[in-house]
C-alpha atoms as a PDB file:
ATOM      1  CA  MET A   1      64.466  28.044  35.281  1.00  0.00           C
ATOM      2  CA  LEU A   2      67.827  26.726  36.852  1.00  0.00           C
ATOM      3  CA  PHE A   3      67.871  29.456  39.665  1.00  0.00           C
ATOM      4  CA  ALA A   4      64.221  28.152  40.344  1.00  0.00           C
ATOM      5  CA  ALA A   5      65.066  24.742  40.434  1.00  0.00           C
ATOM      6  CA  CYS A   6      67.980  25.280  42.989  1.00  0.00           C
ATOM      7  CA  GLN A   7      66.496  27.887  44.665  1.00  0.00           C
ATOM      8  CA  GLY A   8      63.066  25.826  45.344  1.00  0.00           C
ATOM      9  CA  VAL A   9      61.132  28.862  43.757  1.00  0.00           C
ATOM     10  CA  ALA A  10      58.084  28.207  42.222  1.00  0.00           C
ATOM     11  CA  PRO A  11      57.714  28.458  38.265  1.00  0.00           C
ATOM     12  CA  GLU A  12      54.564  30.609  38.571  1.00  0.00           C
ATOM     13  CA  LEU A  13      56.694  33.460  39.559  1.00  0.00           C
ATOM     14  CA  PHE A  14      58.302  33.230  36.152  1.00  0.00           C
ATOM     15  CA  HIS A  15      55.141  32.855  34.551  1.00  0.00           C
ATOM     16  CA  GLN A  16      53.850  36.084  36.119  1.00  0.00           C
ATOM     17  CA  GLY A  17      56.723  37.979  36.380  1.00  0.00           C
ATOM     18  CA  ARG A  18      58.769  37.255  33.266  1.00  0.00           C
ATOM     19  CA  GLY A  19      55.702  36.538  31.102  1.00  0.00           C
ATOM     20  CA  TRP A  20      56.986  32.507  30.558  1.00  0.00           C
ATOM     21  CA  SER A  21      54.086  30.395  29.637  1.00  0.00           C
ATOM     22  CA  PRO A  22      54.040  26.898  30.956  1.00  0.00           C
ATOM     23  CA  GLU A  23      54.920  25.567  27.576  1.00  0.00           C
ATOM     24  CA  ASP A  24      57.949  27.918  27.653  1.00  0.00           C
ATOM     25  CA  TRP A  25      58.956  26.349  31.021  1.00  0.00           C
ATOM     26  CA  ARG A  26      58.573  22.853  29.785  1.00  0.00           C
ATOM     27  CA  ALA A  27      60.846  23.699  27.147  1.00  0.00           C
ATOM     28  CA  ALA A  28      63.397  25.504  29.385  1.00  0.00           C
ATOM     29  CA  VAL A  29      63.234  22.139  31.772  1.00  0.00           C
ATOM     30  CA  ASP A  30      63.746  19.879  28.635  1.00  0.00           C
ATOM     31  CA  ARG A  31      66.714  21.844  27.174  1.00  0.00           C
ATOM     32  CA  LEU A  32      68.425  22.013  30.936  1.00  0.00           C
ATOM     33  CA  ALA A  33      67.437  18.100  31.273  1.00  0.00           C
ATOM     34  CA  THR A  34      69.126  17.596  28.169  1.00  0.00           C
ATOM     35  CA  ARG A  35      72.264  18.939  29.458  1.00  0.00           C
ATOM     36  CA  ASN A  36      71.840  17.021  32.489  1.00  0.00           C
ATOM     37  CA  LEU A  37      71.660  20.154  34.567  1.00  0.00           C
ATOM     38  CA  VAL A  38      67.862  19.335  35.426  1.00  0.00           C
ATOM     39  CA  ALA A  39      66.078  15.868  35.862  1.00  0.00           C
ATOM     40  CA  ALA A  40      62.772  15.405  33.916  1.00  0.00           C
ATOM     41  CA  ASP A  41      60.948  16.873  36.645  1.00  0.00           C
ATOM     42  CA  GLY A  42      62.701  20.205  36.738  1.00  0.00           C
ATOM     43  CA  THR A  43      64.629  19.367  40.122  1.00  0.00           C
ATOM     44  CA  ALA A  44      68.176  20.547  39.671  1.00  0.00           C
ATOM     45  CA  THR A  45      70.769  17.971  39.634  1.00  0.00           C
ATOM     46  CA  GLY A  46      74.269  18.080  41.086  1.00  0.00           C
ATOM     47  CA  ALA A  47      75.830  19.677  37.968  1.00  0.00           C
ATOM     48  CA  GLY A  48      72.861  21.868  37.877  1.00  0.00           C
ATOM     49  CA  ARG A  49      73.379  23.213  41.390  1.00  0.00           C
ATOM     50  CA  ASP A  50      77.358  23.741  40.439  1.00  0.00           C
ATOM     51  CA  LEU A  51      76.552  25.664  37.619  1.00  0.00           C
ATOM     52  CA  HIS A  52      74.286  27.785  39.164  1.00  0.00           C
ATOM     53  CA  VAL A  53      76.983  28.450  42.130  1.00  0.00           C
ATOM     54  CA  ARG A  54      79.520  29.159  39.550  1.00  0.00           C
ATOM     55  CA  ILE A  55      77.079  31.678  37.500  1.00  0.00           C
ATOM     56  CA  GLU A  56      76.245  33.570  41.023  1.00  0.00           C
ATOM     57  CA  ARG A  57      79.936  33.448  41.666  1.00  0.00           C
ATOM     58  CA  ARG A  58      80.448  35.274  38.603  1.00  0.00           C
ATOM     59  CA  THR A  59      77.688  37.410  38.692  1.00  0.00           C
ATOM     60  CA  ASP A  60      78.924  39.323  42.016  1.00  0.00           C
ATOM     61  CA  GLU A  61      82.314  39.461  40.787  1.00  0.00           C
ATOM     62  CA  LEU A  62      81.154  41.600  38.085  1.00  0.00           C
ATOM     63  CA  ALA A  63      78.787  43.643  40.105  1.00  0.00           C
ATOM     64  CA  LEU A  64      81.315  44.520  42.834  1.00  0.00           C
ATOM     65  CA  GLU A  65      83.400  46.814  40.591  1.00  0.00           C
ATOM     66  CA  PRO A  66      81.129  49.804  41.397  1.00  0.00           C
ATOM     67  CA  TYR A  67      81.375  49.140  45.314  1.00  0.00           C
ATOM     68  CA  THR A  68      84.972  48.562  44.789  1.00  0.00           C
ATOM     69  CA  ALA A  69      85.412  52.030  43.585  1.00  0.00           C
ATOM     70  CA  LEU A  70      83.041  53.529  45.989  1.00  0.00           C
ATOM     71  CA  GLY A  71      85.010  51.992  48.664  1.00  0.00           C
ATOM     72  CA  GLU A  72      83.686  50.755  52.206  1.00  0.00           C
ATOM     73  CA  ASP A  73      82.658  54.426  53.679  1.00  0.00           C
ATOM     74  CA  GLY A  74      80.997  55.380  50.002  1.00  0.00           C
ATOM     75  CA  THR A  75      79.177  51.808  49.748  1.00  0.00           C
ATOM     76  CA  ASP A  76      77.820  52.489  53.350  1.00  0.00           C
ATOM     77  CA  GLN A  77      76.577  55.750  52.646  1.00  0.00           C
ATOM     78  CA  LEU A  78      74.868  54.580  49.312  1.00  0.00           C
ATOM     79  CA  LEU A  79      72.861  51.715  51.253  1.00  0.00           C
ATOM     80  CA  ARG A  80      71.698  54.463  53.990  1.00  0.00           C
ATOM     81  CA  LEU A  81      70.525  56.905  51.363  1.00  0.00           C
ATOM     82  CA  LEU A  82      68.761  54.351  49.463  1.00  0.00           C
ATOM     83  CA  GLU A  83      67.408  52.217  52.165  1.00  0.00           C
ATOM     84  CA  PRO A  84      64.330  54.494  52.861  1.00  0.00           C
ATOM     85  CA  ALA A  85      63.321  54.228  49.086  1.00  0.00           C
ATOM     86  CA  ALA A  86      64.047  50.085  49.402  1.00  0.00           C
ATOM     87  CA  ARG A  87      61.637  50.162  52.382  1.00  0.00           C
ATOM     88  CA  ARG A  88      58.786  51.794  50.072  1.00  0.00           C
ATOM     89  CA  ILE A  89      59.279  49.715  47.371  1.00  0.00           C
ATOM     90  CA  ALA A  90      59.092  46.774  49.611  1.00  0.00           C
ATOM     91  CA  ALA A  91      56.071  47.820  51.433  1.00  0.00           C
ATOM     92  CA  ALA A  92      54.302  48.910  48.250  1.00  0.00           C
ATOM     93  CA  GLY A  93      53.925  45.096  47.384  1.00  0.00           C
ATOM     94  CA  GLU A  94      54.983  45.096  43.882  1.00  0.00           C
ATOM     95  CA  ILE A  95      57.453  43.192  44.554  1.00  0.00           C
ATOM     96  CA  GLY A  96      56.749  39.713  46.120  1.00  0.00           C
ATOM     97  CA  PHE A  97      58.748  37.662  48.435  1.00  0.00           C
ATOM     98  CA  PRO A  98      60.228  35.180  47.160  1.00  0.00           C
ATOM     99  CA  ASN A  99      60.801  36.329  43.840  1.00  0.00           C
ATOM    100  CA  PRO A 100      62.469  35.897  40.287  1.00  0.00           C
ATOM    101  CA  MET A 101      64.975  38.215  41.120  1.00  0.00           C
ATOM    102  CA  GLY A 102      66.190  36.353  44.105  1.00  0.00           C
ATOM    103  CA  LEU A 103      65.767  39.488  46.295  1.00  0.00           C
ATOM    104  CA  PRO A 104      65.508  38.520  49.720  1.00  0.00           C
ATOM    105  CA  PRO A 105      62.847  40.514  51.873  1.00  0.00           C
ATOM    106  CA  PRO A 106      64.065  43.520  53.542  1.00  0.00           C
ATOM    107  CA  GLU A 107      65.159  43.050  57.508  1.00  0.00           C
ATOM    108  CA  PRO A 108      62.841  44.839  59.937  1.00  0.00           C
ATOM    109  CA  PRO A 109      64.099  48.424  61.017  1.00  0.00           C
ATOM    110  CA  PRO A 110      65.983  48.523  64.133  1.00  0.00           C
ATOM    111  CA  ASP A 111      64.238  49.281  67.068  1.00  0.00           C
ATOM    112  CA  SER A 112      63.951  52.745  67.861  1.00  0.00           C
ATOM    113  CA  SER A 113      62.191  52.483  71.064  1.00  0.00           C
END
């Protein structure tokens, strides 16, 4: 809910993708509002945005270890190998953009002309 409030993602994406009911969503808004992380209408407060930034930063730090182990060349190779699969998944339309995971839409392939 905090992610949605900070990123402007529609609650309906979480209702569909995560199985949250409108009641679940309202309860989450109420819990975060009591902590001054969102306003009663579900918009993020300054404290909520700050917490979201800290959470995302820590998530990125924790996710970095495998890429550090691979090194720059290994990471580049991994991304090149995964790119065709990622494009097929995105093209299948099973993951919408925006989405509850925060995945950006894929960049168009380089012009091969």
